Amino acid sequence: MTPEELQQYFQSMDLPDSIQIQQDMQVIDVQRFISTSFIHVGLWKKDLSKCPSWIRLLKLKDTLENLENPTIEKA
C-alpha cells in the first residue's frame, strides 16, 4: 500500500473522533493524528516500512478494520 492509497482509505472512512489503537496508544483527535502522521511520512527519506509514523498509520488502519469486522474470540 502506498501513502496515497492509505490517504484515500482514510478519506473514504467515517472516522471516529478518538480511538484506542492498542493498550498504550490512545488517539484523542484522529483527524489531526492522520494529517500530522502523513506530514512525517512525506518527510521520511529512508525505507517507508521503518517510518514510525507510517507504522502507526497502518496500526490505525488495522484497528479501524477490526472495528468494522470484529472477530469472535473462542474460549
C-alpha atoms as a PDB file:
ATOM      1  CA  MET A   1       0.000   0.000   0.000  1.00  0.00           C
ATOM      2  CA  THR A   2       1.283   3.449  -0.869  1.00  0.00           C
ATOM      3  CA  PRO A   3       0.838   6.595   1.234  1.00  0.00           C
ATOM      4  CA  GLU A   4      -1.599   7.895  -1.397  1.00  0.00           C
ATOM      5  CA  GLU A   5      -3.706   4.730  -1.186  1.00  0.00           C
ATOM      6  CA  LEU A   6      -3.742   4.907   2.604  1.00  0.00           C
ATOM      7  CA  GLN A   7      -4.773   8.562   2.490  1.00  0.00           C
ATOM      8  CA  GLN A   8      -7.649   7.671   0.169  1.00  0.00           C
ATOM      9  CA  TYR A   9      -8.641   4.866   2.522  1.00  0.00           C
ATOM     10  CA  PHE A  10      -8.878   7.258   5.486  1.00  0.00           C
ATOM     11  CA  GLN A  11     -10.741   9.836   3.399  1.00  0.00           C
ATOM     12  CA  SER A  12     -13.337   7.232   2.458  1.00  0.00           C
ATOM     13  CA  MET A  13     -13.935   6.273   6.097  1.00  0.00           C
ATOM     14  CA  ASP A  14     -16.336   7.693   8.636  1.00  0.00           C
ATOM     15  CA  LEU A  15     -13.647   8.204  11.259  1.00  0.00           C
ATOM     16  CA  PRO A  16     -14.286   8.372  14.991  1.00  0.00           C
ATOM     17  CA  ASP A  17     -13.160  11.418  16.951  1.00  0.00           C
ATOM     18  CA  SER A  18     -10.920   9.287  19.148  1.00  0.00           C
ATOM     19  CA  ILE A  19      -9.784   5.671  19.202  1.00  0.00           C
ATOM     20  CA  GLN A  20      -7.594   3.315  21.194  1.00  0.00           C
ATOM     21  CA  ILE A  21      -5.217   1.662  18.743  1.00  0.00           C
ATOM     22  CA  GLN A  22      -3.528  -0.532  21.301  1.00  0.00           C
ATOM     23  CA  GLN A  23      -3.253  -0.607  25.067  1.00  0.00           C
ATOM     24  CA  ASP A  24      -0.557   2.078  25.193  1.00  0.00           C
ATOM     25  CA  MET A  25      -1.781   4.115  22.214  1.00  0.00           C
ATOM     26  CA  GLN A  26      -4.868   6.317  22.564  1.00  0.00           C
ATOM     27  CA  VAL A  27      -5.570   8.839  19.797  1.00  0.00           C
ATOM     28  CA  ILE A  28      -7.712  11.731  21.003  1.00  0.00           C
ATOM     29  CA  ASP A  29      -8.003  13.656  17.706  1.00  0.00           C
ATOM     30  CA  VAL A  30      -7.979  11.136  14.850  1.00  0.00           C
ATOM     31  CA  GLN A  31      -8.069  13.706  12.024  1.00  0.00           C
ATOM     32  CA  ARG A  32      -5.116  15.595  13.466  1.00  0.00           C
ATOM     33  CA  PHE A  33      -3.236  12.343  14.106  1.00  0.00           C
ATOM     34  CA  ILE A  34      -3.681  11.330  10.457  1.00  0.00           C
ATOM     35  CA  SER A  35      -2.668  14.693   8.995  1.00  0.00           C
ATOM     36  CA  THR A  36       0.382  15.022  11.262  1.00  0.00           C
ATOM     37  CA  SER A  37       1.456  11.447  10.580  1.00  0.00           C
ATOM     38  CA  PHE A  38       1.276  11.979   6.810  1.00  0.00           C
ATOM     39  CA  ILE A  39       3.460  15.081   7.151  1.00  0.00           C
ATOM     40  CA  HIS A  40       6.089  12.937   8.862  1.00  0.00           C
ATOM     41  CA  VAL A  41       5.698  10.189   6.252  1.00  0.00           C
ATOM     42  CA  GLY A  42       6.287  12.768   3.494  1.00  0.00           C
ATOM     43  CA  LEU A  43       9.470  13.959   5.177  1.00  0.00           C
ATOM     44  CA  TRP A  44      10.813  10.441   5.739  1.00  0.00           C
ATOM     45  CA  LYS A  45      13.651   9.722   3.291  1.00  0.00           C
ATOM     46  CA  LYS A  46      14.503   6.154   4.300  1.00  0.00           C
ATOM     47  CA  ASP A  47      12.674   2.857   3.899  1.00  0.00           C
ATOM     48  CA  LEU A  48       8.979   3.647   4.434  1.00  0.00           C
ATOM     49  CA  SER A  49       8.392   0.404   6.332  1.00  0.00           C
ATOM     50  CA  LYS A  50      10.708   1.713   9.071  1.00  0.00           C
ATOM     51  CA  CYS A  51       8.987   5.098   9.454  1.00  0.00           C
ATOM     52  CA  PRO A  52       7.374   5.294  12.930  1.00  0.00           C
ATOM     53  CA  SER A  53       4.513   7.455  11.634  1.00  0.00           C
ATOM     54  CA  TRP A  54       3.815   5.024   8.783  1.00  0.00           C
ATOM     55  CA  ILE A  55       3.734   2.116  11.223  1.00  0.00           C
ATOM     56  CA  ARG A  56       1.265   3.996  13.449  1.00  0.00           C
ATOM     57  CA  LEU A  57      -0.963   4.805  10.452  1.00  0.00           C
ATOM     58  CA  LEU A  58      -1.032   1.139   9.471  1.00  0.00           C
ATOM     59  CA  LYS A  59      -1.930   0.207  13.050  1.00  0.00           C
ATOM     60  CA  LEU A  60      -4.779   2.725  12.910  1.00  0.00           C
ATOM     61  CA  LYS A  61      -5.998   1.171   9.656  1.00  0.00           C
ATOM     62  CA  ASP A  62      -5.895  -2.315  11.195  1.00  0.00           C
ATOM     63  CA  THR A  63      -7.806  -1.111  14.243  1.00  0.00           C
ATOM     64  CA  LEU A  64     -10.483   0.529  12.100  1.00  0.00           C
ATOM     65  CA  GLU A  65     -10.845  -2.628  10.032  1.00  0.00           C
ATOM     66  CA  ASN A  66     -11.209  -4.704  13.197  1.00  0.00           C
ATOM     67  CA  LEU A  67     -13.961  -2.368  14.401  1.00  0.00           C
ATOM     68  CA  GLU A  68     -15.817  -2.927  11.132  1.00  0.00           C
ATOM     69  CA  ASN A  69     -15.283  -6.700  11.114  1.00  0.00           C
ATOM     70  CA  PRO A  70     -14.775  -7.861  14.693  1.00  0.00           C
ATOM     71  CA  THR A  71     -13.504 -11.385  15.121  1.00  0.00           C
ATOM     72  CA  ILE A  72     -15.151 -13.600  17.677  1.00  0.00           C
ATOM     73  CA  GLU A  73     -12.675 -14.972  20.174  1.00  0.00           C
ATOM     74  CA  LYS A  74     -13.239 -18.561  21.176  1.00  0.00           C
ATOM     75  CA  ALA A  75     -12.764 -19.524  24.814  1.00  0.00           C
END
